[in-house]
């Protein structure tokens, strides 16, 4: 082989250039794969199924002993909050015996015995009952509830066969059909409109 024959073909220079290009391509591919895997790992660990504990994912560098760092995923698990209720959700329906109800006669003229008949219906269905009363004046049919007893009022509407959307309302002391509610949690008004009747 003569001097320069190797250089004339450019073999060594071409070989070194090709190897450099391959090396750069391998490094770029490895970096892209690493980013993809890290992103995928973070996405998967940050999604918690309903009812599962909250999971927080953090990434901290770890030394592999050769002076380079490797990404290490650390997962911190915390207990879910104890209050699982959200605004707008109903409290669970109680045992009827735990719900004090008051039957009120709001008919005009007062239909004698309407409040007593309603009290008997509620009592026969195991609701706790206060003494039945006449409203302070004519009043429309309604099933009024104090805070936390909406689901119980809805259950009473279903028991009486009336549309809860029409008659079930939160109790407003300023618009109460009677002054003394006897600390009742649900008030059933047999009204002058005939919507709730006995």
Foldseek 3Di string as FASTA:
>chain_A
DDPCPCVVVVVVVVVVVVVVVVVVVVVVVVVVVLVVVVVVVQVVQQDDDPPAFHKDKDWDWDDPPPPDTDIDIDIDTDGDDPDPDDPPDAADADQQCVFEEEEEEQAVVTDPCFRVVVQVLSVVSNHHYDDYYYFPHADAWAKEFEPRNQVVSCVVCVSQVADCVPHYDYDDCVPDRHNCRVPGGIYTYCGNVNRRGD
